[in-house]
PDB file of N, CA and C in Angstrom:
ATOM      1  N   MET A   1     130.255 155.184  50.224  1.00  0.00           N
ATOM      2  CA  MET A   1     129.834 154.189  51.162  1.00  0.00           C
ATOM      3  C   MET A   1     130.747 154.181  52.370  1.00  0.00           C
ATOM      4  N   THR A   2     130.134 153.889  53.487  1.00  0.00           N
ATOM      5  CA  THR A   2     130.924 153.836  54.722  1.00  0.00           C
ATOM      6  C   THR A   2     131.100 152.384  55.125  1.00  0.00           C
ATOM      7  N   ASP A   3     132.222 152.143  55.715  1.00  0.00           N
ATOM      8  CA  ASP A   3     132.480 150.793  56.225  1.00  0.00           C
ATOM      9  C   ASP A   3     131.805 150.628  57.577  1.00  0.00           C
ATOM     10  N   GLN A   4     130.985 149.653  57.706  1.00  0.00           N
ATOM     11  CA  GLN A   4     130.372 149.356  59.006  1.00  0.00           C
ATOM     12  C   GLN A   4     131.049 148.114  59.574  1.00  0.00           C
ATOM     13  N   THR A   5     131.497 148.266  60.777  1.00  0.00           N
ATOM     14  CA  THR A   5     132.133 147.114  61.426  1.00  0.00           C
ATOM     15  C   THR A   5     131.155 146.518  62.419  1.00  0.00           C
ATOM     16  N   LYS A   6     131.149 145.254  62.439  1.00  0.00           N
ATOM     17  CA  LYS A   6     130.253 144.553  63.352  1.00  0.00           C
ATOM     18  C   LYS A   6     130.889 144.546  64.749  1.00  0.00           C
ATOM     19  N   ALA A   7     130.110 144.915  65.761  1.00  0.00           N
ATOM     20  CA  ALA A   7     130.624 144.912  67.140  1.00  0.00           C
ATOM     21  C   ALA A   7     130.861 143.471  67.575  1.00  0.00           C
ATOM     22  N   SER A   8     132.005 143.255  68.190  1.00  0.00           N
ATOM     23  CA  SER A   8     132.313 141.887  68.613  1.00  0.00           C
ATOM     24  C   SER A   8     131.457 141.501  69.814  1.00  0.00           C
ATOM     25  N   PHE A   9     131.147 140.257  69.884  1.00  0.00           N
ATOM     26  CA  PHE A   9     130.288 139.743  70.954  1.00  0.00           C
ATOM     27  C   PHE A   9     131.008 139.806  72.305  1.00  0.00           C
ATOM     28  N   ILE A  10     132.288 139.500  72.304  1.00  0.00           N
ATOM     29  CA  ILE A  10     133.085 139.522  73.530  1.00  0.00           C
ATOM     30  C   ILE A  10     134.231 140.499  73.321  1.00  0.00           C
ATOM     31  N   SER A  11     134.340 141.399  74.269  1.00  0.00           N
ATOM     32  CA  SER A  11     135.479 142.313  74.190  1.00  0.00           C
ATOM     33  C   SER A  11     136.408 142.003  75.351  1.00  0.00           C
ATOM     34  N   PHE A  12     137.671 142.159  75.133  1.00  0.00           N
ATOM     35  CA  PHE A  12     138.676 141.862  76.147  1.00  0.00           C
ATOM     36  C   PHE A  12     139.548 143.087  76.331  1.00  0.00           C
ATOM     37  N   LYS A  13     139.631 143.513  77.578  1.00  0.00           N
ATOM     38  CA  LYS A  13     140.472 144.659  77.905  1.00  0.00           C
ATOM     39  C   LYS A  13     141.304 144.258  79.106  1.00  0.00           C
ATOM     40  N   PHE A  14     142.603 144.376  78.992  1.00  0.00           N
ATOM     41  CA  PHE A  14     143.499 143.992  80.069  1.00  0.00           C
ATOM     42  C   PHE A  14     143.829 145.227  80.902  1.00  0.00           C
ATOM     43  N   ASP A  15     143.496 145.129  82.173  1.00  0.00           N
ATOM     44  CA  ASP A  15     143.786 146.220  83.089  1.00  0.00           C
ATOM     45  C   ASP A  15     144.648 145.646  84.209  1.00  0.00           C
ATOM     46  N   VAL A  16     145.838 146.188  84.376  1.00  0.00           N
ATOM     47  CA  VAL A  16     146.784 145.657  85.350  1.00  0.00           C
ATOM     48  C   VAL A  16     146.239 145.778  86.774  1.00  0.00           C
ATOM     49  N   MET A  17     145.631 146.890  87.127  1.00  0.00           N
ATOM     50  CA  MET A  17     145.121 147.077  88.487  1.00  0.00           C
ATOM     51  C   MET A  17     143.977 146.099  88.781  1.00  0.00           C
ATOM     52  N   THR A  18     143.120 145.862  87.815  1.00  0.00           N
ATOM     53  CA  THR A  18     142.037 144.897  88.015  1.00  0.00           C
ATOM     54  C   THR A  18     142.604 143.497  88.175  1.00  0.00           C
ATOM     55  N   PHE A  19     143.602 143.171  87.386  1.00  0.00           N
ATOM     56  CA  PHE A  19     144.248 141.860  87.485  1.00  0.00           C
ATOM     57  C   PHE A  19     144.894 141.676  88.850  1.00  0.00           C
ATOM     58  N   LEU A  20     145.599 142.686  89.337  1.00  0.00           N
ATOM     59  CA  LEU A  20     146.234 142.604  90.661  1.00  0.00           C
ATOM     60  C   LEU A  20     145.181 142.495  91.771  1.00  0.00           C
ATOM     61  N   ALA A  21     144.095 143.218  91.642  1.00  0.00           N
ATOM     62  CA  ALA A  21     143.029 143.140  92.641  1.00  0.00           C
ATOM     63  C   ALA A  21     142.405 141.747  92.646  1.00  0.00           C
ATOM     64  N   LEU A  22     142.212 141.179  91.470  1.00  0.00           N
ATOM     65  CA  LEU A  22     141.669 139.838  91.369  1.00  0.00           C
ATOM     66  C   LEU A  22     142.621 138.819  91.988  1.00  0.00           C
ATOM     67  N   CYS A  23     143.889 138.937  91.695  1.00  0.00           N
ATOM     68  CA  CYS A  23     144.881 138.027  92.287  1.00  0.00           C
ATOM     69  C   CYS A  23     144.905 138.158  93.807  1.00  0.00           C
ATOM     70  N   GLY A  24     144.838 139.398  94.304  1.00  0.00           N
ATOM     71  CA  GLY A  24     144.820 139.622  95.748  1.00  0.00           C
ATOM     72  C   GLY A  24     143.584 139.017  96.397  1.00  0.00           C
ATOM     73  N   ALA A  25     142.447 139.179  95.772  1.00  0.00           N
ATOM     74  CA  ALA A  25     141.208 138.612  96.312  1.00  0.00           C
ATOM     75  C   ALA A  25     141.270 137.093  96.324  1.00  0.00           C
ATOM     76  N   MET A  26     141.815 136.509  95.259  1.00  0.00           N
ATOM     77  CA  MET A  26     141.940 135.049  95.205  1.00  0.00           C
ATOM     78  C   MET A  26     142.900 134.541  96.285  1.00  0.00           C
ATOM     79  N   TYR A  27     143.990 135.255  96.516  1.00  0.00           N
ATOM     80  CA  TYR A  27     144.949 134.864  97.554  1.00  0.00           C
ATOM     81  C   TYR A  27     144.298 134.934  98.934  1.00  0.00           C
ATOM     82  N   LEU A  28     143.557 136.013  99.209  1.00  0.00           N
ATOM     83  CA  LEU A  28     142.888 136.150 100.495  1.00  0.00           C
ATOM     84  C   LEU A  28     141.841 135.053 100.693  1.00  0.00           C
ATOM     85  N   ALA A  29     141.099 134.726  99.652  1.00  0.00           N
ATOM     86  CA  ALA A  29     140.104 133.662  99.744  1.00  0.00           C
ATOM     87  C   ALA A  29     140.776 132.314 100.010  1.00  0.00           C
ATOM     88  N   TYR A  30     141.897 132.068  99.351  1.00  0.00           N
ATOM     89  CA  TYR A  30     142.619 130.810  99.555  1.00  0.00           C
ATOM     90  C   TYR A  30     143.166 130.709 100.976  1.00  0.00           C
ATOM     91  N   THR A  31     143.766 131.771 101.481  1.00  0.00           N
ATOM     92  CA  THR A  31     144.306 131.724 102.842  1.00  0.00           C
ATOM     93  C   THR A  31     143.191 131.580 103.871  1.00  0.00           C
ATOM     94  N   ALA A  32     142.052 132.230 103.641  1.00  0.00           N
ATOM     95  CA  ALA A  32     140.924 132.083 104.564  1.00  0.00           C
ATOM     96  C   ALA A  32     140.403 130.647 104.527  1.00  0.00           C
ATOM     97  N   HIS A  33     140.326 130.071 103.347  1.00  0.00           N
ATOM     98  CA  HIS A  33     139.872 128.684 103.213  1.00  0.00           C
ATOM     99  C   HIS A  33     140.834 127.731 103.928  1.00  0.00           C
ATOM    100  N   THR A  34     142.129 127.933 103.748  1.00  0.00           N
ATOM    101  CA  THR A  34     143.127 127.085 104.387  1.00  0.00           C
ATOM    102  C   THR A  34     143.026 127.176 105.904  1.00  0.00           C
ATOM    103  N   ALA A  35     142.895 128.388 106.430  1.00  0.00           N
ATOM    104  CA  ALA A  35     142.759 128.570 107.873  1.00  0.00           C
ATOM    105  C   ALA A  35     141.480 127.913 108.381  1.00  0.00           C
ATOM    106  N   ASN A  36     140.407 128.024 107.619  1.00  0.00           N
ATOM    107  CA  ASN A  36     139.144 127.412 108.004  1.00  0.00           C
ATOM    108  C   ASN A  36     139.265 125.894 108.043  1.00  0.00           C
ATOM    109  N   MET A  37     139.935 125.306 107.083  1.00  0.00           N
ATOM    110  CA  MET A  37     140.113 123.854 107.057  1.00  0.00           C
ATOM    111  C   MET A  37     140.966 123.385 108.232  1.00  0.00           C
ATOM    112  N   GLU A  38     141.998 124.145 108.594  1.00  0.00           N
ATOM    113  CA  GLU A  38     142.826 123.789 109.753  1.00  0.00           C
ATOM    114  C   GLU A  38     142.009 123.854 111.039  1.00  0.00           C
ATOM    115  N   ASN A  39     141.198 124.892 111.177  1.00  0.00           N
ATOM    116  CA  ASN A  39     140.358 125.019 112.365  1.00  0.00           C
ATOM    117  C   ASN A  39     139.322 123.905 112.430  1.00  0.00           C
ATOM    118  N   THR A  40     138.773 123.519 111.298  1.00  0.00           N
ATOM    119  CA  THR A  40     137.808 122.430 111.251  1.00  0.00           C
ATOM    120  C   THR A  40     138.462 121.119 111.678  1.00  0.00           C
ATOM    121  N   ALA A  41     139.674 120.872 111.219  1.00  0.00           N
ATOM    122  CA  ALA A  41     140.386 119.649 111.601  1.00  0.00           C
ATOM    123  C   ALA A  41     140.669 119.640 113.108  1.00  0.00           C
ATOM    124  N   LYS A  42     141.082 120.786 113.661  1.00  0.00           N
ATOM    125  CA  LYS A  42     141.342 120.872 115.103  1.00  0.00           C
ATOM    126  C   LYS A  42     140.063 120.629 115.900  1.00  0.00           C
ATOM    127  N   LEU A  43     138.959 121.217 115.466  1.00  0.00           N
ATOM    128  CA  LEU A  43     137.693 121.053 116.159  1.00  0.00           C
ATOM    129  C   LEU A  43     137.219 119.603 116.085  1.00  0.00           C
ATOM    130  N   SER A  44     137.382 118.985 114.941  1.00  0.00           N
ATOM    131  CA  SER A  44     137.002 117.586 114.785  1.00  0.00           C
ATOM    132  C   SER A  44     137.816 116.689 115.713  1.00  0.00           C
ATOM    133  N   ALA A  45     139.116 116.934 115.805  1.00  0.00           N
ATOM    134  CA  ALA A  45     139.969 116.152 116.701  1.00  0.00           C
ATOM    135  C   ALA A  45     139.561 116.358 118.157  1.00  0.00           C
ATOM    136  N   LEU A  46     139.234 117.587 118.512  1.00  0.00           N
ATOM    137  CA  LEU A  46     138.809 117.885 119.872  1.00  0.00           C
ATOM    138  C   LEU A  46     137.495 117.186 120.196  1.00  0.00           C
ATOM    139  N   LEU A  47     136.532 117.208 119.271  1.00  0.00           N
ATOM    140  CA  LEU A  47     135.256 116.529 119.489  1.00  0.00           C
ATOM    141  C   LEU A  47     135.429 115.018 119.598  1.00  0.00           C
ATOM    142  N   THR A  48     136.317 114.465 118.791  1.00  0.00           N
ATOM    143  CA  THR A  48     136.587 113.027 118.861  1.00  0.00           C
ATOM    144  C   THR A  48     137.191 112.661 120.212  1.00  0.00           C
ATOM    145  N   LYS A  49     138.127 113.469 120.665  1.00  0.00           N
ATOM    146  CA  LYS A  49     138.748 113.233 121.982  1.00  0.00           C
ATOM    147  C   LYS A  49     137.694 113.331 123.083  1.00  0.00           C
ATOM    148  N   TYR A  50     136.825 114.348 122.989  1.00  0.00           N
ATOM    149  CA  TYR A  50     135.771 114.513 123.987  1.00  0.00           C
ATOM    150  C   TYR A  50     134.814 113.332 123.970  1.00  0.00           C
ATOM    151  N   GLU A  51     134.474 112.848 122.779  1.00  0.00           N
ATOM    152  CA  GLU A  51     133.569 111.703 122.658  1.00  0.00           C
ATOM    153  C   GLU A  51     134.168 110.464 123.303  1.00  0.00           C
ATOM    154  N   HIS A  52     135.465 110.214 123.076  1.00  0.00           N
ATOM    155  CA  HIS A  52     136.123 109.058 123.678  1.00  0.00           C
ATOM    156  C   HIS A  52     136.182 109.186 125.204  1.00  0.00           C
ATOM    157  N   THR A  53     136.459 110.382 125.682  1.00  0.00           N
ATOM    158  CA  THR A  53     136.499 110.617 127.128  1.00  0.00           C
ATOM    159  C   THR A  53     135.134 110.395 127.749  1.00  0.00           C
ATOM    160  N   LEU A  54     134.101 110.905 127.098  1.00  0.00           N
ATOM    161  CA  LEU A  54     132.738 110.735 127.591  1.00  0.00           C
ATOM    162  C   LEU A  54     132.325 109.266 127.574  1.00  0.00           C
ATOM    163  N   ASP A  55     132.660 108.544 126.497  1.00  0.00           N
ATOM    164  CA  ASP A  55     132.348 107.116 126.420  1.00  0.00           C
ATOM    165  C   ASP A  55     133.036 106.344 127.545  1.00  0.00           C
ATOM    166  N   ALA A  56     134.297 106.678 127.814  1.00  0.00           N
ATOM    167  CA  ALA A  56     135.033 106.002 128.891  1.00  0.00           C
ATOM    168  C   ALA A  56     134.416 106.316 130.247  1.00  0.00           C
ATOM    169  N   ALA A  57     133.990 107.560 130.444  1.00  0.00           N
ATOM    170  CA  ALA A  57     133.378 107.939 131.722  1.00  0.00           C
ATOM    171  C   ALA A  57     132.046 107.234 131.924  1.00  0.00           C
ATOM    172  N   ILE A  58     131.255 107.133 130.868  1.00  0.00           N
ATOM    173  CA  ILE A  58     129.961 106.449 130.962  1.00  0.00           C
ATOM    174  C   ILE A  58     130.173 104.955 131.221  1.00  0.00           C
ATOM    175  N   ALA A  59     131.106 104.366 130.511  1.00  0.00           N
ATOM    176  CA  ALA A  59     131.358 102.935 130.668  1.00  0.00           C
ATOM    177  C   ALA A  59     131.930 102.613 132.051  1.00  0.00           C
ATOM    178  N   GLY A  60     132.627 103.544 132.647  1.00  0.00           N
ATOM    179  CA  GLY A  60     133.248 103.321 133.949  1.00  0.00           C
ATOM    180  C   GLY A  60     132.302 103.468 135.126  1.00  0.00           C
ATOM    181  N   ASP A  61     131.160 104.059 134.928  1.00  0.00           N
ATOM    182  CA  ASP A  61     130.203 104.287 136.017  1.00  0.00           C
ATOM    183  C   ASP A  61     128.952 103.465 135.731  1.00  0.00           C
ATOM    184  N   ASP A  62     128.701 102.453 136.592  1.00  0.00           N
ATOM    185  CA  ASP A  62     127.572 101.541 136.343  1.00  0.00           C
ATOM    186  C   ASP A  62     126.229 102.248 136.362  1.00  0.00           C
ATOM    187  N   VAL A  63     126.023 103.194 137.273  1.00  0.00           N
ATOM    188  CA  VAL A  63     124.740 103.904 137.371  1.00  0.00           C
ATOM    189  C   VAL A  63     124.512 104.743 136.113  1.00  0.00           C
ATOM    190  N   THR A  64     125.529 105.459 135.677  1.00  0.00           N
ATOM    191  CA  THR A  64     125.412 106.286 134.478  1.00  0.00           C
ATOM    192  C   THR A  64     125.220 105.424 133.241  1.00  0.00           C
ATOM    193  N   LEU A  65     125.920 104.304 133.177  1.00  0.00           N
ATOM    194  CA  LEU A  65     125.780 103.401 132.037  1.00  0.00           C
ATOM    195  C   LEU A  65     124.360 102.849 131.966  1.00  0.00           C
ATOM    196  N   LYS A  66     123.793 102.471 133.112  1.00  0.00           N
ATOM    197  CA  LYS A  66     122.423 101.960 133.131  1.00  0.00           C
ATOM    198  C   LYS A  66     121.437 103.046 132.685  1.00  0.00           C
ATOM    199  N   ARG A  67     121.630 104.281 133.170  1.00  0.00           N
ATOM    200  CA  ARG A  67     120.756 105.394 132.780  1.00  0.00           C
ATOM    201  C   ARG A  67     120.895 105.685 131.286  1.00  0.00           C
ATOM    202  N   TYR A  68     122.111 105.626 130.781  1.00  0.00           N
ATOM    203  CA  TYR A  68     122.370 105.858 129.360  1.00  0.00           C
ATOM    204  C   TYR A  68     121.661 104.808 128.504  1.00  0.00           C
ATOM    205  N   ARG A  69     121.772 103.550 128.902  1.00  0.00           N
ATOM    206  CA  ARG A  69     121.113 102.474 128.142  1.00  0.00           C
ATOM    207  C   ARG A  69     119.600 102.618 128.189  1.00  0.00           C
ATOM    208  N   ASN A  70     119.060 103.009 129.352  1.00  0.00           N
ATOM    209  CA  ASN A  70     117.617 103.235 129.458  1.00  0.00           C
ATOM    210  C   ASN A  70     117.165 104.373 128.546  1.00  0.00           C
ATOM    211  N   ASN A  71     117.956 105.437 128.486  1.00  0.00           N
ATOM    212  CA  ASN A  71     117.626 106.564 127.606  1.00  0.00           C
ATOM    213  C   ASN A  71     117.667 106.159 126.137  1.00  0.00           C
ATOM    214  N   ILE A  72     118.645 105.348 125.772  1.00  0.00           N
ATOM    215  CA  ILE A  72     118.726 104.858 124.395  1.00  0.00           C
ATOM    216  C   ILE A  72     117.510 103.998 124.075  1.00  0.00           C
ATOM    217  N   LYS A  73     117.125 103.137 125.008  1.00  0.00           N
ATOM    218  CA  LYS A  73     115.950 102.272 124.797  1.00  0.00           C
ATOM    219  C   LYS A  73     114.685 103.122 124.640  1.00  0.00           C
ATOM    220  N   LYS A  74     114.529 104.153 125.484  1.00  0.00           N
ATOM    221  CA  LYS A  74     113.360 105.031 125.381  1.00  0.00           C
ATOM    222  C   LYS A  74     113.343 105.750 124.033  1.00  0.00           C
ATOM    223  N   THR A  75     114.503 106.181 123.602  1.00  0.00           N
ATOM    224  CA  THR A  75     114.597 106.874 122.316  1.00  0.00           C
ATOM    225  C   THR A  75     114.215 105.944 121.177  1.00  0.00           C
ATOM    226  N   LEU A  76     114.739 104.729 121.200  1.00  0.00           N
ATOM    227  CA  LEU A  76     114.399 103.764 120.142  1.00  0.00           C
ATOM    228  C   LEU A  76     112.919 103.401 120.172  1.00  0.00           C
ATOM    229  N   ASP A  77     112.341 103.304 121.366  1.00  0.00           N
ATOM    230  CA  ASP A  77     110.913 102.979 121.472  1.00  0.00           C
ATOM    231  C   ASP A  77     110.027 104.097 120.942  1.00  0.00           C
ATOM    232  N   SER A  78     110.511 105.336 120.984  1.00  0.00           N
ATOM    233  CA  SER A  78     109.705 106.469 120.522  1.00  0.00           C
ATOM    234  C   SER A  78     109.742 106.650 119.004  1.00  0.00           C
ATOM    235  N   LEU A  79     110.630 105.919 118.322  1.00  0.00           N
ATOM    236  CA  LEU A  79     110.760 106.048 116.872  1.00  0.00           C
ATOM    237  C   LEU A  79     109.708 105.210 116.159  1.00  0.00           C
ATOM    238  N   SER A  80     109.389 105.630 114.948  1.00  0.00           N
ATOM    239  CA  SER A  80     108.507 104.830 114.106  1.00  0.00           C
ATOM    240  C   SER A  80     109.276 103.586 113.657  1.00  0.00           C
ATOM    241  N   PRO A  81     108.572 102.555 113.182  1.00  0.00           N
ATOM    242  CA  PRO A  81     109.279 101.331 112.750  1.00  0.00           C
ATOM    243  C   PRO A  81     110.351 101.589 111.684  1.00  0.00           C
ATOM    244  N   LYS A  82     110.061 102.464 110.729  1.00  0.00           N
ATOM    245  CA  LYS A  82     111.052 102.787 109.685  1.00  0.00           C
ATOM    246  C   LYS A  82     112.257 103.495 110.288  1.00  0.00           C
ATOM    247  N   GLU A  83     111.996 104.477 111.179  1.00  0.00           N
ATOM    248  CA  GLU A  83     113.088 105.212 111.816  1.00  0.00           C
ATOM    249  C   GLU A  83     113.932 104.285 112.686  1.00  0.00           C
ATOM    250  N   ARG A  84     113.261 103.393 113.395  1.00  0.00           N
ATOM    251  CA  ARG A  84     113.977 102.436 114.256  1.00  0.00           C
ATOM    252  C   ARG A  84     114.866 101.523 113.411  1.00  0.00           C
ATOM    253  N   GLU A  85     114.331 101.034 112.299  1.00  0.00           N
ATOM    254  CA  GLU A  85     115.103 100.164 111.411  1.00  0.00           C
ATOM    255  C   GLU A  85     116.334 100.896 110.881  1.00  0.00           C
ATOM    256  N   LEU A  86     116.151 102.134 110.482  1.00  0.00           N
ATOM    257  CA  LEU A  86     117.265 102.932 109.977  1.00  0.00           C
ATOM    258  C   LEU A  86     118.308 103.172 111.067  1.00  0.00           C
ATOM    259  N   MET A  87     117.867 103.520 112.269  1.00  0.00           N
ATOM    260  CA  MET A  87     118.788 103.786 113.371  1.00  0.00           C
ATOM    261  C   MET A  87     119.595 102.543 113.725  1.00  0.00           C
ATOM    262  N   LEU A  88     118.932 101.393 113.809  1.00  0.00           N
ATOM    263  CA  LEU A  88     119.644 100.152 114.118  1.00  0.00           C
ATOM    264  C   LEU A  88     120.628  99.780 113.012  1.00  0.00           C
ATOM    265  N   ALA A  89     120.269 100.047 111.759  1.00  0.00           N
ATOM    266  CA  ALA A  89     121.190  99.781 110.646  1.00  0.00           C
ATOM    267  C   ALA A  89     122.417 100.692 110.742  1.00  0.00           C
ATOM    268  N   LEU A  90     122.200 101.948 111.100  1.00  0.00           N
ATOM    269  CA  LEU A  90     123.331 102.871 111.257  1.00  0.00           C
ATOM    270  C   LEU A  90     124.236 102.452 112.401  1.00  0.00           C
ATOM    271  N   LEU A  91     123.646 102.024 113.512  1.00  0.00           N
ATOM    272  CA  LEU A  91     124.448 101.563 114.645  1.00  0.00           C
ATOM    273  C   LEU A  91     125.256 100.320 114.275  1.00  0.00           C
ATOM    274  N   LYS A  92     124.651  99.428 113.487  1.00  0.00           N
ATOM    275  CA  LYS A  92     125.355  98.225 113.045  1.00  0.00           C
ATOM    276  C   LYS A  92     126.550  98.595 112.166  1.00  0.00           C
ATOM    277  N   VAL A  93     126.342  99.515 111.242  1.00  0.00           N
ATOM    278  CA  VAL A  93     127.435  99.963 110.369  1.00  0.00           C
ATOM    279  C   VAL A  93     128.545 100.614 111.197  1.00  0.00           C
ATOM    280  N   GLU A  94     128.167 101.399 112.195  1.00  0.00           N
ATOM    281  CA  GLU A  94     129.165 102.053 113.038  1.00  0.00           C
ATOM    282  C   GLU A  94     129.977 101.025 113.819  1.00  0.00           C
ATOM    283  N   ARG A  95     129.306 100.016 114.364  1.00  0.00           N
ATOM    284  CA  ARG A  95     130.022  98.969 115.113  1.00  0.00           C
ATOM    285  C   ARG A  95     130.985  98.221 114.197  1.00  0.00           C
ATOM    286  N   GLU A  96     130.536  97.904 112.993  1.00  0.00           N
ATOM    287  CA  GLU A  96     131.399  97.195 112.044  1.00  0.00           C
ATOM    288  C   GLU A  96     132.593  98.040 111.641  1.00  0.00           C
ATOM    289  N   GLY A  97     132.377  99.349 111.536  1.00  0.00           N
ATOM    290  CA  GLY A  97     133.465 100.255 111.192  1.00  0.00           C
ATOM    291  C   GLY A  97     134.515 100.344 112.299  1.00  0.00           C
ATOM    292  N   LYS A  98     134.071 100.282 113.536  1.00  0.00           N
ATOM    293  CA  LYS A  98     135.007 100.339 114.669  1.00  0.00           C
ATOM    294  C   LYS A  98     135.765  99.029 114.820  1.00  0.00           C
ATOM    295  N   ALA A  99     135.163  97.914 114.388  1.00  0.00           N
ATOM    296  CA  ALA A  99     135.808  96.611 114.509  1.00  0.00           C
ATOM    297  C   ALA A  99     136.979  96.471 113.538  1.00  0.00           C
ATOM    298  N   ASP A 100     136.928  97.204 112.430  1.00  0.00           N
ATOM    299  CA  ASP A 100     137.998  97.096 111.413  1.00  0.00           C
ATOM    300  C   ASP A 100     139.275  97.728 111.843  1.00  0.00           C
TER     301      ASP A 100
END
């Protein structure tokens, strides 16, 4: 009689070069992710600064402020009742958030 061995369901083979390649790939992915997050933070800060500058410029010019308010009114008038309700609720939440 011959001994039959059952093949294992999971086999594990340790290869140093594969392990090093995996570690290198993980390091590169981590550094790329970190750089991406830093760039995202810089872009967000730049957009926030631009938004504040634009808001100040609009508020400082009466003609532009009037045109801006008219455009907002036209936009709200073009929305469906549900969309208008949602937009006004979002604006209310934003105002409350800025007040804190």
